[in-house]
Amino acid sequence: AHLDLRQPAWALHNKVRALAGWPGARVRLLLEDQAAGSHTPLELSLLRTRVPEQSDLQQLPLRRHVPRSTVTSSTSTSTSSTS
């Protein structure tokens, strides 16, 4: 089953737990290469998830979304998977 990443973390976590083994939880992503102007579809199978505690979230650095129009240098995307 494919997950909708617009759902809250706790809901996604529960779905991954419920779908563990069979049929399995999957997520589809579209990787964008701005330099080449191409898109590459990627499908990941999720085996385990963890919802962090509130105290863990306070320790994370804030990430800010940078609009495409303000990006001046090319960026690269790397992916990794764990089995």
N, C-alpha and C. Protein backbone atom coordinates (compact mmCIF):
# COMPACT_ATOMS: atom_id res chain seq x y z
N ALA A 1 0.85 -1.17 0.00
CA ALA A 1 0.00 0.00 0.00
C ALA A 1 0.89 1.23 0.00
N HIS A 2 0.50 2.24 -0.77
CA HIS A 2 1.28 3.48 -0.85
C HIS A 2 0.79 4.46 0.20
N LEU A 3 1.72 5.16 0.82
CA LEU A 3 1.42 6.10 1.88
C LEU A 3 1.28 7.51 1.33
N ASP A 4 0.41 8.28 1.95
CA ASP A 4 0.22 9.69 1.62
C ASP A 4 1.02 10.50 2.65
N LEU A 5 2.11 11.12 2.22
CA LEU A 5 3.00 11.81 3.14
C LEU A 5 2.43 13.12 3.68
N ARG A 6 1.23 13.46 3.28
CA ARG A 6 0.57 14.65 3.84
C ARG A 6 -0.10 14.33 5.17
N GLN A 7 -0.16 13.05 5.55
CA GLN A 7 -0.76 12.65 6.82
C GLN A 7 0.21 12.89 7.97
N PRO A 8 -0.30 13.00 9.19
CA PRO A 8 0.57 13.20 10.36
C PRO A 8 1.52 12.01 10.56
N ALA A 9 2.65 12.29 11.19
CA ALA A 9 3.68 11.26 11.41
C ALA A 9 3.14 10.06 12.16
N TRP A 10 2.33 10.29 13.20
CA TRP A 10 1.80 9.17 13.99
C TRP A 10 0.89 8.28 13.15
N ALA A 11 0.13 8.86 12.22
CA ALA A 11 -0.75 8.07 11.37
C ALA A 11 0.07 7.23 10.39
N LEU A 12 1.12 7.82 9.83
CA LEU A 12 1.99 7.08 8.92
C LEU A 12 2.70 5.95 9.66
N HIS A 13 3.17 6.24 10.85
CA HIS A 13 3.85 5.23 11.67
C HIS A 13 2.93 4.04 11.93
N ASN A 14 1.68 4.30 12.28
CA ASN A 14 0.73 3.22 12.54
C ASN A 14 0.42 2.42 11.29
N LYS A 15 0.35 3.08 10.13
CA LYS A 15 0.10 2.35 8.89
C LYS A 15 1.28 1.46 8.53
N VAL A 16 2.49 1.94 8.72
CA VAL A 16 3.67 1.12 8.43
C VAL A 16 3.67 -0.11 9.34
N ARG A 17 3.34 0.07 10.61
CA ARG A 17 3.27 -1.07 11.54
C ARG A 17 2.18 -2.05 11.12
N ALA A 18 1.03 -1.52 10.71
CA ALA A 18 -0.09 -2.38 10.33
C ALA A 18 0.18 -3.16 9.04
N LEU A 19 0.95 -2.57 8.15
CA LEU A 19 1.21 -3.19 6.84
C LEU A 19 2.53 -3.95 6.81
N ALA A 20 3.21 -4.06 7.95
CA ALA A 20 4.51 -4.74 8.00
C ALA A 20 4.39 -6.16 7.47
N GLY A 21 5.39 -6.59 6.76
CA GLY A 21 5.35 -7.93 6.17
C GLY A 21 4.60 -7.90 4.87
N TRP A 22 3.33 -8.19 4.93
CA TRP A 22 2.51 -8.15 3.73
C TRP A 22 1.28 -7.30 4.00
N PRO A 23 0.85 -6.41 3.18
CA PRO A 23 1.35 -6.11 1.83
C PRO A 23 2.54 -5.17 1.82
N GLY A 24 2.91 -4.61 2.95
CA GLY A 24 4.05 -3.71 3.02
C GLY A 24 3.64 -2.27 2.75
N ALA A 25 4.40 -1.35 3.28
CA ALA A 25 4.14 0.07 3.10
C ALA A 25 5.17 0.63 2.13
N ARG A 26 4.69 1.43 1.19
CA ARG A 26 5.57 2.02 0.19
C ARG A 26 5.29 3.51 0.06
N VAL A 27 6.29 4.22 -0.40
CA VAL A 27 6.14 5.64 -0.66
C VAL A 27 6.77 5.93 -2.02
N ARG A 28 6.11 6.76 -2.80
CA ARG A 28 6.62 7.16 -4.12
C ARG A 28 7.10 8.60 -4.03
N LEU A 29 8.31 8.82 -4.53
CA LEU A 29 8.90 10.15 -4.55
C LEU A 29 9.30 10.48 -5.98
N LEU A 30 9.38 11.76 -6.29
CA LEU A 30 9.83 12.21 -7.59
C LEU A 30 11.05 13.09 -7.34
N LEU A 31 12.23 12.59 -7.73
CA LEU A 31 13.47 13.33 -7.54
C LEU A 31 13.68 14.28 -8.71
N GLU A 32 13.99 15.52 -8.40
CA GLU A 32 14.16 16.52 -9.44
C GLU A 32 15.63 16.88 -9.56
N ASP A 33 16.16 16.80 -10.77
CA ASP A 33 17.52 17.24 -11.06
C ASP A 33 17.39 18.58 -11.77
N GLN A 34 17.55 19.66 -11.04
CA GLN A 34 17.36 20.98 -11.60
C GLN A 34 18.38 21.30 -12.68
N ALA A 35 19.61 20.82 -12.52
CA ALA A 35 20.65 21.10 -13.51
C ALA A 35 20.32 20.47 -14.85
N ALA A 36 19.83 19.23 -14.83
CA ALA A 36 19.51 18.52 -16.07
C ALA A 36 18.07 18.76 -16.50
N GLY A 37 17.25 19.29 -15.61
CA GLY A 37 15.84 19.52 -15.93
C GLY A 37 15.06 18.23 -16.07
N SER A 38 15.44 17.21 -15.30
CA SER A 38 14.76 15.93 -15.40
C SER A 38 14.18 15.52 -14.05
N HIS A 39 13.27 14.54 -14.11
CA HIS A 39 12.63 13.98 -12.92
C HIS A 39 12.79 12.48 -12.95
N THR A 40 13.11 11.90 -11.80
CA THR A 40 13.29 10.46 -11.69
C THR A 40 12.36 9.92 -10.61
N PRO A 41 11.45 9.01 -10.98
CA PRO A 41 10.57 8.42 -9.96
C PRO A 41 11.34 7.44 -9.09
N LEU A 42 10.99 7.39 -7.83
CA LEU A 42 11.65 6.50 -6.87
C LEU A 42 10.59 5.92 -5.96
N GLU A 43 10.60 4.62 -5.77
CA GLU A 43 9.66 3.97 -4.86
C GLU A 43 10.45 3.29 -3.75
N LEU A 44 10.10 3.60 -2.51
CA LEU A 44 10.78 3.03 -1.35
C LEU A 44 9.83 2.15 -0.56
N SER A 45 10.33 1.04 -0.05
CA SER A 45 9.57 0.19 0.87
C SER A 45 10.01 0.54 2.28
N LEU A 46 9.05 0.83 3.13
CA LEU A 46 9.35 1.19 4.51
C LEU A 46 9.18 -0.03 5.39
N LEU A 47 10.21 -0.35 6.13
CA LEU A 47 10.19 -1.51 7.01
C LEU A 47 9.88 -1.14 8.46
N ARG A 48 10.44 -0.03 8.91
CA ARG A 48 10.23 0.44 10.28
C ARG A 48 10.20 1.95 10.28
N THR A 49 9.47 2.51 11.21
CA THR A 49 9.45 3.96 11.40
C THR A 49 9.49 4.25 12.89
N ARG A 50 9.76 5.50 13.21
CA ARG A 50 9.75 5.94 14.60
C ARG A 50 9.26 7.37 14.63
N VAL A 51 8.32 7.65 15.51
CA VAL A 51 7.84 9.01 15.70
C VAL A 51 8.62 9.57 16.88
N PRO A 52 9.36 10.66 16.68
CA PRO A 52 10.18 11.19 17.77
C PRO A 52 9.34 11.79 18.88
N GLU A 53 9.90 11.78 20.06
CA GLU A 53 9.26 12.44 21.21
C GLU A 53 9.36 13.95 21.01
N GLN A 54 8.50 14.70 21.68
CA GLN A 54 8.52 16.15 21.56
C GLN A 54 9.89 16.72 21.92
N SER A 55 10.54 16.16 22.95
CA SER A 55 11.87 16.65 23.36
C SER A 55 12.90 16.42 22.27
N ASP A 56 12.76 15.34 21.49
CA ASP A 56 13.68 15.08 20.38
C ASP A 56 13.51 16.13 19.29
N LEU A 57 12.28 16.55 19.05
CA LEU A 57 12.01 17.52 18.00
C LEU A 57 12.61 18.88 18.32
N GLN A 58 12.65 19.24 19.59
CA GLN A 58 13.19 20.54 19.97
C GLN A 58 14.69 20.61 19.74
N GLN A 59 15.37 19.48 19.66
CA GLN A 59 16.81 19.46 19.45
C GLN A 59 17.20 19.50 17.98
N LEU A 60 16.23 19.28 17.08
CA LEU A 60 16.53 19.26 15.65
C LEU A 60 16.68 20.68 15.12
N PRO A 61 17.65 20.88 14.21
CA PRO A 61 17.77 22.20 13.59
C PRO A 61 16.59 22.43 12.65
N LEU A 62 16.16 23.65 12.53
CA LEU A 62 15.06 23.97 11.62
C LEU A 62 15.58 23.98 10.19
N ARG A 63 14.80 23.38 9.29
CA ARG A 63 15.15 23.41 7.87
C ARG A 63 14.18 24.34 7.18
N ARG A 64 14.71 25.17 6.33
CA ARG A 64 13.87 26.11 5.62
C ARG A 64 13.80 25.73 4.16
N HIS A 65 12.61 25.81 3.61
CA HIS A 65 12.41 25.54 2.19
C HIS A 65 12.88 26.75 1.40
N VAL A 66 13.71 26.51 0.39
CA VAL A 66 14.21 27.58 -0.46
C VAL A 66 13.45 27.52 -1.77
N PRO A 67 12.69 28.57 -2.12
CA PRO A 67 11.96 28.55 -3.39
C PRO A 67 12.91 28.40 -4.57
N ARG A 68 12.45 27.72 -5.60
CA ARG A 68 13.30 27.46 -6.76
C ARG A 68 13.85 28.72 -7.38
N SER A 69 13.08 29.78 -7.40
CA SER A 69 13.51 31.00 -8.08
C SER A 69 14.70 31.65 -7.39
N THR A 70 14.97 31.30 -6.12
CA THR A 70 16.09 31.91 -5.41
C THR A 70 17.33 31.02 -5.41
N VAL A 71 17.23 29.81 -5.96
CA VAL A 71 18.38 28.90 -5.99
C VAL A 71 19.29 29.34 -7.13
N THR A 72 20.56 29.65 -6.78
CA THR A 72 21.49 30.11 -7.81
C THR A 72 22.53 29.07 -8.17
N SER A 73 22.78 28.13 -7.30
CA SER A 73 23.77 27.09 -7.60
C SER A 73 23.07 25.76 -7.79
N SER A 74 23.71 24.86 -8.52
CA SER A 74 23.10 23.55 -8.73
C SER A 74 23.30 22.69 -7.50
N THR A 75 22.34 21.82 -7.25
CA THR A 75 22.43 20.91 -6.11
C THR A 75 22.36 19.48 -6.61
N SER A 76 22.91 18.57 -5.85
CA SER A 76 22.86 17.17 -6.21
C SER A 76 22.06 16.43 -5.16
N THR A 77 21.43 15.35 -5.57
CA THR A 77 20.63 14.54 -4.67
C THR A 77 21.22 13.16 -4.60
N SER A 78 21.42 12.66 -3.40
CA SER A 78 21.89 11.29 -3.26
C SER A 78 20.85 10.53 -2.47
N THR A 79 20.70 9.27 -2.79
CA THR A 79 19.74 8.44 -2.09
C THR A 79 20.46 7.22 -1.55
N SER A 80 19.93 6.71 -0.49
CA SER A 80 20.47 5.46 0.05
C SER A 80 19.30 4.66 0.58
N SER A 81 19.50 3.37 0.64
CA SER A 81 18.45 2.53 1.18
C SER A 81 19.07 1.55 2.14
N THR A 82 18.27 1.15 3.10
CA THR A 82 18.74 0.15 4.05
C THR A 82 17.83 -1.05 3.96
N SER A 83 18.39 -2.19 4.10
CA SER A 83 17.59 -3.43 4.04
C SER A 83 17.54 -4.05 5.39
